mmCIF file of all heavy atoms, coordinates in Angstrom:
data_MODEL
# 
_entry.id   MODEL 
# 
loop_
_atom_site.group_PDB 
_atom_site.id 
_atom_site.type_symbol 
_atom_site.label_atom_id 
_atom_site.label_alt_id 
_atom_site.label_comp_id 
_atom_site.label_asym_id 
_atom_site.label_entity_id 
_atom_site.label_seq_id 
_atom_site.pdbx_PDB_ins_code 
_atom_site.Cartn_x 
_atom_site.Cartn_y 
_atom_site.Cartn_z 
_atom_site.occupancy 
_atom_site.B_iso_or_equiv 
_atom_site.pdbx_formal_charge 
_atom_site.auth_seq_id 
_atom_site.auth_comp_id 
_atom_site.auth_asym_id 
_atom_site.auth_atom_id 
_atom_site.pdbx_PDB_model_num 
ATOM 1   N N   . VAL A 1 1  ? 90.274  136.304 112.853 1.00 0.00 ? 1  VAL A N   1 
ATOM 2   C CA  . VAL A 1 1  ? 89.790  135.453 111.766 1.00 0.00 ? 1  VAL A CA  1 
ATOM 3   C C   . VAL A 1 1  ? 90.212  135.966 110.392 1.00 0.00 ? 1  VAL A C   1 
ATOM 4   O O   . VAL A 1 1  ? 90.576  135.181 109.552 1.00 0.00 ? 1  VAL A O   1 
ATOM 5   C CB  . VAL A 1 1  ? 88.314  135.255 111.845 1.00 0.00 ? 1  VAL A CB  1 
ATOM 6   C CG1 . VAL A 1 1  ? 87.746  134.648 110.583 1.00 0.00 ? 1  VAL A CG1 1 
ATOM 7   C CG2 . VAL A 1 1  ? 87.818  134.471 113.077 1.00 0.00 ? 1  VAL A CG2 1 
ATOM 8   N N   . SER A 1 2  ? 90.234  137.090 110.237 1.00 0.00 ? 2  SER A N   1 
ATOM 9   C CA  . SER A 1 2  ? 90.651  137.865 108.917 1.00 0.00 ? 2  SER A CA  1 
ATOM 10  C C   . SER A 1 2  ? 92.038  137.533 108.692 1.00 0.00 ? 2  SER A C   1 
ATOM 11  O O   . SER A 1 2  ? 92.488  137.144 107.591 1.00 0.00 ? 2  SER A O   1 
ATOM 12  C CB  . SER A 1 2  ? 90.364  139.362 108.858 1.00 0.00 ? 2  SER A CB  1 
ATOM 13  O OG  . SER A 1 2  ? 89.100  139.656 109.035 1.00 0.00 ? 2  SER A OG  1 
ATOM 14  N N   . LEU A 1 3  ? 92.915  137.651 109.711 1.00 0.00 ? 3  LEU A N   1 
ATOM 15  C CA  . LEU A 1 3  ? 94.350  137.263 109.608 1.00 0.00 ? 3  LEU A CA  1 
ATOM 16  C C   . LEU A 1 3  ? 94.609  135.947 109.345 1.00 0.00 ? 3  LEU A C   1 
ATOM 17  O O   . LEU A 1 3  ? 95.292  135.580 108.424 1.00 0.00 ? 3  LEU A O   1 
ATOM 18  C CB  . LEU A 1 3  ? 95.117  137.691 110.906 1.00 0.00 ? 3  LEU A CB  1 
ATOM 19  C CG  . LEU A 1 3  ? 96.460  137.328 111.091 1.00 0.00 ? 3  LEU A CG  1 
ATOM 20  C CD1 . LEU A 1 3  ? 97.383  138.042 109.899 1.00 0.00 ? 3  LEU A CD1 1 
ATOM 21  C CD2 . LEU A 1 3  ? 96.988  137.541 112.391 1.00 0.00 ? 3  LEU A CD2 1 
ATOM 22  N N   . PHE A 1 4  ? 94.100  135.141 110.199 1.00 0.00 ? 4  PHE A N   1 
ATOM 23  C CA  . PHE A 1 4  ? 94.312  133.580 110.034 1.00 0.00 ? 4  PHE A CA  1 
ATOM 24  C C   . PHE A 1 4  ? 93.742  133.023 108.769 1.00 0.00 ? 4  PHE A C   1 
ATOM 25  O O   . PHE A 1 4  ? 94.235  132.063 108.104 1.00 0.00 ? 4  PHE A O   1 
ATOM 26  C CB  . PHE A 1 4  ? 93.860  132.876 111.274 1.00 0.00 ? 4  PHE A CB  1 
ATOM 27  C CG  . PHE A 1 4  ? 94.606  133.075 112.532 1.00 0.00 ? 4  PHE A CG  1 
ATOM 28  C CD1 . PHE A 1 4  ? 94.080  133.442 113.643 1.00 0.00 ? 4  PHE A CD1 1 
ATOM 29  C CD2 . PHE A 1 4  ? 96.060  133.251 112.489 1.00 0.00 ? 4  PHE A CD2 1 
ATOM 30  C CE1 . PHE A 1 4  ? 94.642  133.712 114.810 1.00 0.00 ? 4  PHE A CE1 1 
ATOM 31  C CE2 . PHE A 1 4  ? 96.758  133.608 113.584 1.00 0.00 ? 4  PHE A CE2 1 
ATOM 32  C CZ  . PHE A 1 4  ? 96.165  133.817 114.672 1.00 0.00 ? 4  PHE A CZ  1 
ATOM 33  N N   . SER A 1 5  ? 92.603  133.557 108.199 1.00 0.00 ? 5  SER A N   1 
ATOM 34  C CA  . SER A 1 5  ? 92.030  133.083 106.982 1.00 0.00 ? 5  SER A CA  1 
ATOM 35  C C   . SER A 1 5  ? 92.910  133.310 105.808 1.00 0.00 ? 5  SER A C   1 
ATOM 36  O O   . SER A 1 5  ? 93.263  132.613 104.901 1.00 0.00 ? 5  SER A O   1 
ATOM 37  C CB  . SER A 1 5  ? 90.636  133.674 106.760 1.00 0.00 ? 5  SER A CB  1 
ATOM 38  O OG  . SER A 1 5  ? 89.754  133.322 107.580 1.00 0.00 ? 5  SER A OG  1 
ATOM 39  N N   . PHE A 1 6  ? 93.502  134.685 105.870 1.00 0.00 ? 6  PHE A N   1 
ATOM 40  C CA  . PHE A 1 6  ? 94.489  135.049 104.824 1.00 0.00 ? 6  PHE A CA  1 
ATOM 41  C C   . PHE A 1 6  ? 95.716  134.099 104.977 1.00 0.00 ? 6  PHE A C   1 
ATOM 42  O O   . PHE A 1 6  ? 96.194  133.629 103.849 1.00 0.00 ? 6  PHE A O   1 
ATOM 43  C CB  . PHE A 1 6  ? 95.021  136.480 105.027 1.00 0.00 ? 6  PHE A CB  1 
ATOM 44  C CG  . PHE A 1 6  ? 96.250  136.880 104.199 1.00 0.00 ? 6  PHE A CG  1 
ATOM 45  C CD1 . PHE A 1 6  ? 96.086  136.742 102.756 1.00 0.00 ? 6  PHE A CD1 1 
ATOM 46  C CD2 . PHE A 1 6  ? 97.244  137.272 104.817 1.00 0.00 ? 6  PHE A CD2 1 
ATOM 47  C CE1 . PHE A 1 6  ? 97.140  137.154 102.054 1.00 0.00 ? 6  PHE A CE1 1 
ATOM 48  C CE2 . PHE A 1 6  ? 98.442  137.635 104.090 1.00 0.00 ? 6  PHE A CE2 1 
ATOM 49  C CZ  . PHE A 1 6  ? 98.373  137.448 102.772 1.00 0.00 ? 6  PHE A CZ  1 
ATOM 50  N N   . VAL A 1 7  ? 96.225  133.786 105.996 1.00 0.00 ? 7  VAL A N   1 
ATOM 51  C CA  . VAL A 1 7  ? 97.418  132.965 106.230 1.00 0.00 ? 7  VAL A CA  1 
ATOM 52  C C   . VAL A 1 7  ? 97.068  131.512 105.635 1.00 0.00 ? 7  VAL A C   1 
ATOM 53  O O   . VAL A 1 7  ? 97.941  130.902 105.097 1.00 0.00 ? 7  VAL A O   1 
ATOM 54  C CB  . VAL A 1 7  ? 97.855  132.781 107.737 1.00 0.00 ? 7  VAL A CB  1 
ATOM 55  C CG1 . VAL A 1 7  ? 98.873  131.793 107.720 1.00 0.00 ? 7  VAL A CG1 1 
ATOM 56  C CG2 . VAL A 1 7  ? 98.311  134.126 108.223 1.00 0.00 ? 7  VAL A CG2 1 
ATOM 57  N N   . GLY A 1 8  ? 95.852  131.154 105.776 1.00 0.00 ? 8  GLY A N   1 
ATOM 58  C CA  . GLY A 1 8  ? 95.482  129.834 105.191 1.00 0.00 ? 8  GLY A CA  1 
ATOM 59  C C   . GLY A 1 8  ? 95.387  129.783 103.798 1.00 0.00 ? 8  GLY A C   1 
ATOM 60  O O   . GLY A 1 8  ? 95.531  128.713 103.080 1.00 0.00 ? 8  GLY A O   1 
ATOM 61  N N   . THR A 1 9  ? 95.429  130.936 103.088 1.00 0.00 ? 9  THR A N   1 
ATOM 62  C CA  . THR A 1 9  ? 95.437  130.885 101.567 1.00 0.00 ? 9  THR A CA  1 
ATOM 63  C C   . THR A 1 9  ? 97.025  130.981 101.126 1.00 0.00 ? 9  THR A C   1 
ATOM 64  O O   . THR A 1 9  ? 97.337  130.654 100.024 1.00 0.00 ? 9  THR A O   1 
ATOM 65  C CB  . THR A 1 9  ? 94.955  132.221 101.017 1.00 0.00 ? 9  THR A CB  1 
ATOM 66  O OG1 . THR A 1 9  ? 95.671  133.269 101.412 1.00 0.00 ? 9  THR A OG1 1 
ATOM 67  C CG2 . THR A 1 9  ? 93.403  132.357 101.460 1.00 0.00 ? 9  THR A CG2 1 
ATOM 68  N N   . LEU A 1 10 ? 97.906  131.080 102.053 1.00 0.00 ? 10 LEU A N   1 
ATOM 69  C CA  . LEU A 1 10 ? 99.386  131.054 101.756 1.00 0.00 ? 10 LEU A CA  1 
ATOM 70  C C   . LEU A 1 10 ? 99.943  129.799 101.972 1.00 0.00 ? 10 LEU A C   1 
ATOM 71  O O   . LEU A 1 10 ? 100.916 129.430 101.273 1.00 0.00 ? 10 LEU A O   1 
ATOM 72  C CB  . LEU A 1 10 ? 100.035 132.200 102.656 1.00 0.00 ? 10 LEU A CB  1 
ATOM 73  C CG  . LEU A 1 10 ? 99.634  133.554 102.392 1.00 0.00 ? 10 LEU A CG  1 
ATOM 74  C CD1 . LEU A 1 10 ? 100.323 134.393 103.354 1.00 0.00 ? 10 LEU A CD1 1 
ATOM 75  C CD2 . LEU A 1 10 ? 99.884  134.107 100.940 1.00 0.00 ? 10 LEU A CD2 1 
ATOM 76  N N   . THR A 1 11 ? 99.549  129.032 102.986 1.00 0.00 ? 11 THR A N   1 
ATOM 77  C CA  . THR A 1 11 ? 100.290 127.767 103.343 1.00 0.00 ? 11 THR A CA  1 
ATOM 78  C C   . THR A 1 11 ? 99.253  126.785 104.018 1.00 0.00 ? 11 THR A C   1 
ATOM 79  O O   . THR A 1 11 ? 98.213  127.230 104.643 1.00 0.00 ? 11 THR A O   1 
ATOM 80  C CB  . THR A 1 11 ? 101.328 127.982 104.371 1.00 0.00 ? 11 THR A CB  1 
ATOM 81  O OG1 . THR A 1 11 ? 101.801 126.789 104.902 1.00 0.00 ? 11 THR A OG1 1 
ATOM 82  C CG2 . THR A 1 11 ? 100.890 128.865 105.585 1.00 0.00 ? 11 THR A CG2 1 
ATOM 83  N N   . THR A 1 12 ? 99.303  125.603 103.784 1.00 0.00 ? 12 THR A N   1 
ATOM 84  C CA  . THR A 1 12 ? 98.364  124.532 104.342 1.00 0.00 ? 12 THR A CA  1 
ATOM 85  C C   . THR A 1 12 ? 98.980  124.291 105.736 1.00 0.00 ? 12 THR A C   1 
ATOM 86  O O   . THR A 1 12 ? 98.264  123.452 106.532 1.00 0.00 ? 12 THR A O   1 
ATOM 87  C CB  . THR A 1 12 ? 98.568  123.171 103.608 1.00 0.00 ? 12 THR A CB  1 
ATOM 88  O OG1 . THR A 1 12 ? 99.869  122.775 103.533 1.00 0.00 ? 12 THR A OG1 1 
ATOM 89  C CG2 . THR A 1 12 ? 97.912  123.415 102.158 1.00 0.00 ? 12 THR A CG2 1 
ATOM 90  N N   . ARG A 1 13 ? 100.014 124.991 106.271 1.00 0.00 ? 13 ARG A N   1 
ATOM 91  C CA  . ARG A 1 13 ? 100.573 124.797 107.595 1.00 0.00 ? 13 ARG A CA  1 
ATOM 92  C C   . ARG A 1 13 ? 100.123 125.915 108.386 1.00 0.00 ? 13 ARG A C   1 
ATOM 93  O O   . ARG A 1 13 ? 100.983 126.413 109.247 1.00 0.00 ? 13 ARG A O   1 
ATOM 94  C CB  . ARG A 1 13 ? 102.027 124.538 107.502 1.00 0.00 ? 13 ARG A CB  1 
ATOM 95  C CG  . ARG A 1 13 ? 102.582 123.267 106.884 1.00 0.00 ? 13 ARG A CG  1 
ATOM 96  C CD  . ARG A 1 13 ? 101.993 122.064 107.572 1.00 0.00 ? 13 ARG A CD  1 
ATOM 97  N NE  . ARG A 1 13 ? 102.535 120.911 106.973 1.00 0.00 ? 13 ARG A NE  1 
ATOM 98  C CZ  . ARG A 1 13 ? 101.740 120.187 106.137 1.00 0.00 ? 13 ARG A CZ  1 
ATOM 99  N NH1 . ARG A 1 13 ? 100.599 120.541 105.870 1.00 0.00 ? 13 ARG A NH1 1 
ATOM 100 N NH2 . ARG A 1 13 ? 102.307 119.119 105.554 1.00 0.00 ? 13 ARG A NH2 1 
ATOM 101 N N   . ALA A 1 14 ? 98.981  126.500 108.126 1.00 0.00 ? 14 ALA A N   1 
ATOM 102 C CA  . ALA A 1 14 ? 98.604  127.779 108.782 1.00 0.00 ? 14 ALA A CA  1 
ATOM 103 C C   . ALA A 1 14 ? 98.336  127.679 110.263 1.00 0.00 ? 14 ALA A C   1 
ATOM 104 O O   . ALA A 1 14 ? 98.626  128.626 111.005 1.00 0.00 ? 14 ALA A O   1 
ATOM 105 C CB  . ALA A 1 14 ? 97.205  128.342 108.119 1.00 0.00 ? 14 ALA A CB  1 
ATOM 106 N N   . VAL A 1 15 ? 97.996  126.477 110.690 1.00 0.00 ? 15 VAL A N   1 
ATOM 107 C CA  . VAL A 1 15 ? 97.788  126.218 112.109 1.00 0.00 ? 15 VAL A CA  1 
ATOM 108 C C   . VAL A 1 15 ? 99.190  126.248 112.866 1.00 0.00 ? 15 VAL A C   1 
ATOM 109 O O   . VAL A 1 15 ? 99.146  126.841 114.052 1.00 0.00 ? 15 VAL A O   1 
ATOM 110 C CB  . VAL A 1 15 ? 97.066  124.721 112.314 1.00 0.00 ? 15 VAL A CB  1 
ATOM 111 C CG1 . VAL A 1 15 ? 97.095  124.555 113.872 1.00 0.00 ? 15 VAL A CG1 1 
ATOM 112 C CG2 . VAL A 1 15 ? 95.724  124.891 111.841 1.00 0.00 ? 15 VAL A CG2 1 
ATOM 113 N N   . VAL A 1 16 ? 100.158 125.653 112.273 1.00 0.00 ? 16 VAL A N   1 
ATOM 114 C CA  . VAL A 1 16 ? 101.428 125.666 112.878 1.00 0.00 ? 16 VAL A CA  1 
ATOM 115 C C   . VAL A 1 16 ? 101.960 127.242 112.929 1.00 0.00 ? 16 VAL A C   1 
ATOM 116 O O   . VAL A 1 16 ? 102.414 127.619 113.966 1.00 0.00 ? 16 VAL A O   1 
ATOM 117 C CB  . VAL A 1 16 ? 102.396 124.906 112.005 1.00 0.00 ? 16 VAL A CB  1 
ATOM 118 C CG1 . VAL A 1 16 ? 103.916 124.984 112.591 1.00 0.00 ? 16 VAL A CG1 1 
ATOM 119 C CG2 . VAL A 1 16 ? 102.089 123.459 111.922 1.00 0.00 ? 16 VAL A CG2 1 
ATOM 120 N N   . PHE A 1 17 ? 101.861 127.842 111.933 1.00 0.00 ? 17 PHE A N   1 
ATOM 121 C CA  . PHE A 1 17 ? 102.154 129.349 111.946 1.00 0.00 ? 17 PHE A CA  1 
ATOM 122 C C   . PHE A 1 17 ? 101.331 129.985 113.021 1.00 0.00 ? 17 PHE A C   1 
ATOM 123 O O   . PHE A 1 17 ? 102.029 130.837 113.813 1.00 0.00 ? 17 PHE A O   1 
ATOM 124 C CB  . PHE A 1 17 ? 101.949 129.991 110.625 1.00 0.00 ? 17 PHE A CB  1 
ATOM 125 C CG  . PHE A 1 17 ? 101.988 131.571 110.749 1.00 0.00 ? 17 PHE A CG  1 
ATOM 126 C CD1 . PHE A 1 17 ? 103.135 132.219 110.520 1.00 0.00 ? 17 PHE A CD1 1 
ATOM 127 C CD2 . PHE A 1 17 ? 100.734 132.194 110.828 1.00 0.00 ? 17 PHE A CD2 1 
ATOM 128 C CE1 . PHE A 1 17 ? 103.133 133.609 110.596 1.00 0.00 ? 17 PHE A CE1 1 
ATOM 129 C CE2 . PHE A 1 17 ? 100.848 133.706 110.929 1.00 0.00 ? 17 PHE A CE2 1 
ATOM 130 C CZ  . PHE A 1 17 ? 101.998 134.238 110.797 1.00 0.00 ? 17 PHE A CZ  1 
ATOM 131 N N   . GLY A 1 18 ? 100.098 129.820 113.062 1.00 0.00 ? 18 GLY A N   1 
ATOM 132 C CA  . GLY A 1 18 ? 99.208  130.373 114.089 1.00 0.00 ? 18 GLY A CA  1 
ATOM 133 C C   . GLY A 1 18 ? 99.629  130.186 115.501 1.00 0.00 ? 18 GLY A C   1 
ATOM 134 O O   . GLY A 1 18 ? 99.436  131.070 116.333 1.00 0.00 ? 18 GLY A O   1 
ATOM 135 N N   . ILE A 1 19 ? 99.911  128.883 115.842 1.00 0.00 ? 19 ILE A N   1 
ATOM 136 C CA  . ILE A 1 19 ? 100.240 128.548 117.147 1.00 0.00 ? 19 ILE A CA  1 
ATOM 137 C C   . ILE A 1 19 ? 101.509 129.302 117.631 1.00 0.00 ? 19 ILE A C   1 
ATOM 138 O O   . ILE A 1 19 ? 101.643 129.878 118.642 1.00 0.00 ? 19 ILE A O   1 
ATOM 139 C CB  . ILE A 1 19 ? 100.456 126.998 117.326 1.00 0.00 ? 19 ILE A CB  1 
ATOM 140 C CG1 . ILE A 1 19 ? 99.173  126.327 117.018 1.00 0.00 ? 19 ILE A CG1 1 
ATOM 141 C CG2 . ILE A 1 19 ? 101.216 126.699 118.645 1.00 0.00 ? 19 ILE A CG2 1 
ATOM 142 C CD1 . ILE A 1 19 ? 99.313  124.700 117.117 1.00 0.00 ? 19 ILE A CD1 1 
ATOM 143 N N   . VAL A 1 20 ? 102.501 129.424 116.686 1.00 0.00 ? 20 VAL A N   1 
ATOM 144 C CA  . VAL A 1 20 ? 103.726 130.196 117.043 1.00 0.00 ? 20 VAL A CA  1 
ATOM 145 C C   . VAL A 1 20 ? 103.413 131.589 117.306 1.00 0.00 ? 20 VAL A C   1 
ATOM 146 O O   . VAL A 1 20 ? 103.864 132.272 118.096 1.00 0.00 ? 20 VAL A O   1 
ATOM 147 C CB  . VAL A 1 20 ? 104.665 129.933 115.861 1.00 0.00 ? 20 VAL A CB  1 
ATOM 148 C CG1 . VAL A 1 20 ? 106.015 130.901 116.086 1.00 0.00 ? 20 VAL A CG1 1 
ATOM 149 C CG2 . VAL A 1 20 ? 105.150 128.550 115.664 1.00 0.00 ? 20 VAL A CG2 1 
ATOM 150 N N   . TYR A 1 21 ? 102.473 132.189 116.335 1.00 0.00 ? 21 TYR A N   1 
ATOM 151 C CA  . TYR A 1 21 ? 102.135 133.556 116.396 1.00 0.00 ? 21 TYR A CA  1 
ATOM 152 C C   . TYR A 1 21 ? 101.318 133.709 117.786 1.00 0.00 ? 21 TYR A C   1 
ATOM 153 O O   . TYR A 1 21 ? 101.686 134.708 118.464 1.00 0.00 ? 21 TYR A O   1 
ATOM 154 C CB  . TYR A 1 21 ? 101.273 133.968 115.233 1.00 0.00 ? 21 TYR A CB  1 
ATOM 155 C CG  . TYR A 1 21 ? 100.687 135.319 115.311 1.00 0.00 ? 21 TYR A CG  1 
ATOM 156 C CD1 . TYR A 1 21 ? 101.438 136.417 115.020 1.00 0.00 ? 21 TYR A CD1 1 
ATOM 157 C CD2 . TYR A 1 21 ? 99.362  135.525 115.739 1.00 0.00 ? 21 TYR A CD2 1 
ATOM 158 C CE1 . TYR A 1 21 ? 100.901 137.699 115.091 1.00 0.00 ? 21 TYR A CE1 1 
ATOM 159 C CE2 . TYR A 1 21 ? 98.793  136.707 115.935 1.00 0.00 ? 21 TYR A CE2 1 
ATOM 160 C CZ  . TYR A 1 21 ? 99.619  137.851 115.658 1.00 0.00 ? 21 TYR A CZ  1 
ATOM 161 O OH  . TYR A 1 21 ? 99.081  139.095 115.687 1.00 0.00 ? 21 TYR A OH  1 
ATOM 162 N N   . VAL A 1 22 ? 100.453 133.018 118.134 1.00 0.00 ? 22 VAL A N   1 
ATOM 163 C CA  . VAL A 1 22 ? 99.518  133.131 119.208 1.00 0.00 ? 22 VAL A CA  1 
ATOM 164 C C   . VAL A 1 22 ? 100.390 133.139 120.472 1.00 0.00 ? 22 VAL A C   1 
ATOM 165 O O   . VAL A 1 22 ? 100.351 134.034 121.335 1.00 0.00 ? 22 VAL A O   1 
ATOM 166 C CB  . VAL A 1 22 ? 98.482  132.166 119.319 1.00 0.00 ? 22 VAL A CB  1 
ATOM 167 C CG1 . VAL A 1 22 ? 97.718  132.230 120.647 1.00 0.00 ? 22 VAL A CG1 1 
ATOM 168 C CG2 . VAL A 1 22 ? 97.413  132.483 118.133 1.00 0.00 ? 22 VAL A CG2 1 
ATOM 169 N N   . PHE A 1 23 ? 101.118 132.011 120.757 1.00 0.00 ? 23 PHE A N   1 
ATOM 170 C CA  . PHE A 1 23 ? 101.870 131.900 121.912 1.00 0.00 ? 23 PHE A CA  1 
ATOM 171 C C   . PHE A 1 23 ? 103.227 132.501 122.036 1.00 0.00 ? 23 PHE A C   1 
ATOM 172 O O   . PHE A 1 23 ? 103.682 132.936 122.984 1.00 0.00 ? 23 PHE A O   1 
ATOM 173 C CB  . PHE A 1 23 ? 102.118 130.339 122.225 1.00 0.00 ? 23 PHE A CB  1 
ATOM 174 C CG  . PHE A 1 23 ? 100.799 129.692 122.510 1.00 0.00 ? 23 PHE A CG  1 
ATOM 175 C CD1 . PHE A 1 23 ? 100.284 128.792 121.617 1.00 0.00 ? 23 PHE A CD1 1 
ATOM 176 C CD2 . PHE A 1 23 ? 100.131 129.796 123.758 1.00 0.00 ? 23 PHE A CD2 1 
ATOM 177 C CE1 . PHE A 1 23 ? 98.984  128.191 121.907 1.00 0.00 ? 23 PHE A CE1 1 
ATOM 178 C CE2 . PHE A 1 23 ? 99.049  129.234 124.128 1.00 0.00 ? 23 PHE A CE2 1 
ATOM 179 C CZ  . PHE A 1 23 ? 98.305  128.395 123.127 1.00 0.00 ? 23 PHE A CZ  1 
ATOM 180 N N   . GLY A 1 24 ? 103.897 132.677 120.709 1.00 0.00 ? 24 GLY A N   1 
ATOM 181 C CA  . GLY A 1 24 ? 105.023 133.417 120.666 1.00 0.00 ? 24 GLY A CA  1 
ATOM 182 C C   . GLY A 1 24 ? 104.924 134.912 120.780 1.00 0.00 ? 24 GLY A C   1 
ATOM 183 O O   . GLY A 1 24 ? 105.664 135.623 121.573 1.00 0.00 ? 24 GLY A O   1 
# 
């Protein structure tokens, strides 16, 4: 949650980044 929350402050496409990160 700490990681993905930070990513959410960088881009509004945080979910897309997260999916690539999680599964990739």
